[in-house]
Amino acid sequence: MSTVSHLSTQLERLPFIEQRDRSLLLVLPGLFIFSAFMLFPVVYLVGLSFTNAAPANLFAGEGAFSVLT
């Protein structure tokens, strides 16, 4: 039994999720991972914009890692 068919049979056995909503269980993990990789750079840049960051002190390592910590 392949992984996809095993997963689909497991999804069919879930009693608390309706049939039309079961496809979301396959899509939501991918959307979560995609949004995490897309939103992290935006949050980092917003945090970086509140500092006095310049290319000189970013590449020198002066406070570059303390932006969001």
C-alpha atoms as a PDB file:
ATOM      1  CA  MET A   1       0.000   0.000   0.000  1.00  0.00           C
ATOM      2  CA  SER A   2       1.466   3.329  -0.991  1.00  0.00           C
ATOM      3  CA  THR A   3       1.681   6.273   1.342  1.00  0.00           C
ATOM      4  CA  VAL A   4      -0.937   8.278  -0.555  1.00  0.00           C
ATOM      5  CA  SER A   5      -3.501   5.487  -0.551  1.00  0.00           C
ATOM      6  CA  HIS A   6      -2.793   4.787   3.126  1.00  0.00           C
ATOM      7  CA  LEU A   7      -3.314   8.463   3.922  1.00  0.00           C
ATOM      8  CA  SER A   8      -6.532   8.607   1.929  1.00  0.00           C
ATOM      9  CA  THR A   9      -7.941   5.579   3.739  1.00  0.00           C
ATOM     10  CA  GLN A  10      -7.030   7.119   7.081  1.00  0.00           C
ATOM     11  CA  LEU A  11      -8.764  10.354   6.090  1.00  0.00           C
ATOM     12  CA  GLU A  12     -11.915   8.430   5.151  1.00  0.00           C
ATOM     13  CA  ARG A  13     -12.063   6.939   8.647  1.00  0.00           C
ATOM     14  CA  LEU A  14     -12.148  10.280  10.476  1.00  0.00           C
ATOM     15  CA  PRO A  15     -15.680  10.513  11.882  1.00  0.00           C
ATOM     16  CA  PHE A  16     -15.586  14.145  13.014  1.00  0.00           C
ATOM     17  CA  ILE A  17     -14.785  15.703   9.620  1.00  0.00           C
ATOM     18  CA  GLU A  18     -17.330  15.930   6.840  1.00  0.00           C
ATOM     19  CA  GLN A  19     -16.586  14.484   3.424  1.00  0.00           C
ATOM     20  CA  ARG A  20     -16.311  17.875   1.688  1.00  0.00           C
ATOM     21  CA  ASP A  21     -13.840  19.174   4.316  1.00  0.00           C
ATOM     22  CA  ARG A  22     -11.416  16.245   4.228  1.00  0.00           C
ATOM     23  CA  SER A  23      -9.452  17.641   1.305  1.00  0.00           C
ATOM     24  CA  LEU A  24      -8.469  20.568   3.518  1.00  0.00           C
ATOM     25  CA  LEU A  25      -6.409  18.199   5.650  1.00  0.00           C
ATOM     26  CA  LEU A  26      -4.128  17.652   2.670  1.00  0.00           C
ATOM     27  CA  VAL A  27      -3.914  21.337   1.741  1.00  0.00           C
ATOM     28  CA  LEU A  28      -3.572  23.051   5.119  1.00  0.00           C
ATOM     29  CA  PRO A  29      -0.097  21.746   6.055  1.00  0.00           C
ATOM     30  CA  GLY A  30       1.287  23.010   2.757  1.00  0.00           C
ATOM     31  CA  LEU A  31      -0.363  26.389   3.212  1.00  0.00           C
ATOM     32  CA  PHE A  32       1.035  26.649   6.721  1.00  0.00           C
ATOM     33  CA  ILE A  33       4.576  25.875   5.591  1.00  0.00           C
ATOM     34  CA  PHE A  34       4.280  28.206   2.598  1.00  0.00           C
ATOM     35  CA  SER A  35       3.015  31.084   4.733  1.00  0.00           C
ATOM     36  CA  ALA A  36       5.731  30.502   7.330  1.00  0.00           C
ATOM     37  CA  PHE A  37       8.442  30.784   4.701  1.00  0.00           C
ATOM     38  CA  MET A  38       6.770  33.813   3.104  1.00  0.00           C
ATOM     39  CA  LEU A  39       5.892  35.712   6.274  1.00  0.00           C
ATOM     40  CA  PHE A  40       9.174  35.268   8.143  1.00  0.00           C
ATOM     41  CA  PRO A  41      11.180  37.509   5.768  1.00  0.00           C
ATOM     42  CA  VAL A  42       8.459  40.163   5.935  1.00  0.00           C
ATOM     43  CA  VAL A  43       8.434  40.113   9.742  1.00  0.00           C
ATOM     44  CA  TYR A  44      12.229  40.203   9.780  1.00  0.00           C
ATOM     45  CA  LEU A  45      12.315  43.221   7.452  1.00  0.00           C
ATOM     46  CA  VAL A  46       9.700  45.055   9.515  1.00  0.00           C
ATOM     47  CA  GLY A  47      11.741  44.391  12.650  1.00  0.00           C
ATOM     48  CA  LEU A  48      14.866  45.492  10.845  1.00  0.00           C
ATOM     49  CA  SER A  49      13.203  48.721   9.746  1.00  0.00           C
ATOM     50  CA  PHE A  50      12.692  49.760  13.381  1.00  0.00           C
ATOM     51  CA  THR A  51      16.447  49.681  14.004  1.00  0.00           C
ATOM     52  CA  ASN A  52      19.214  51.902  12.716  1.00  0.00           C
ATOM     53  CA  ALA A  53      20.485  49.134  10.478  1.00  0.00           C
ATOM     54  CA  ALA A  54      22.783  50.052   7.634  1.00  0.00           C
ATOM     55  CA  PRO A  55      24.728  47.779   5.290  1.00  0.00           C
ATOM     56  CA  ALA A  56      27.964  48.605   7.120  1.00  0.00           C
ATOM     57  CA  ASN A  57      26.825  47.414  10.541  1.00  0.00           C
ATOM     58  CA  LEU A  58      24.797  44.489   9.162  1.00  0.00           C
ATOM     59  CA  PHE A  59      27.793  42.955   7.442  1.00  0.00           C
ATOM     60  CA  ALA A  60      30.085  43.791  10.354  1.00  0.00           C
ATOM     61  CA  GLY A  61      27.778  41.888  12.706  1.00  0.00           C
ATOM     62  CA  GLU A  62      26.997  44.780  15.033  1.00  0.00           C
ATOM     63  CA  GLY A  63      23.564  43.931  16.353  1.00  0.00           C
ATOM     64  CA  ALA A  64      22.383  42.139  13.252  1.00  0.00           C
ATOM     65  CA  PHE A  65      21.271  39.083  15.226  1.00  0.00           C
ATOM     66  CA  SER A  66      19.585  41.070  17.972  1.00  0.00           C
ATOM     67  CA  VAL A  67      16.934  42.569  15.718  1.00  0.00           C
ATOM     68  CA  LEU A  68      14.112  40.239  16.662  1.00  0.00           C
ATOM     69  CA  THR A  69      15.466  38.769  19.882  1.00  0.00           C
END
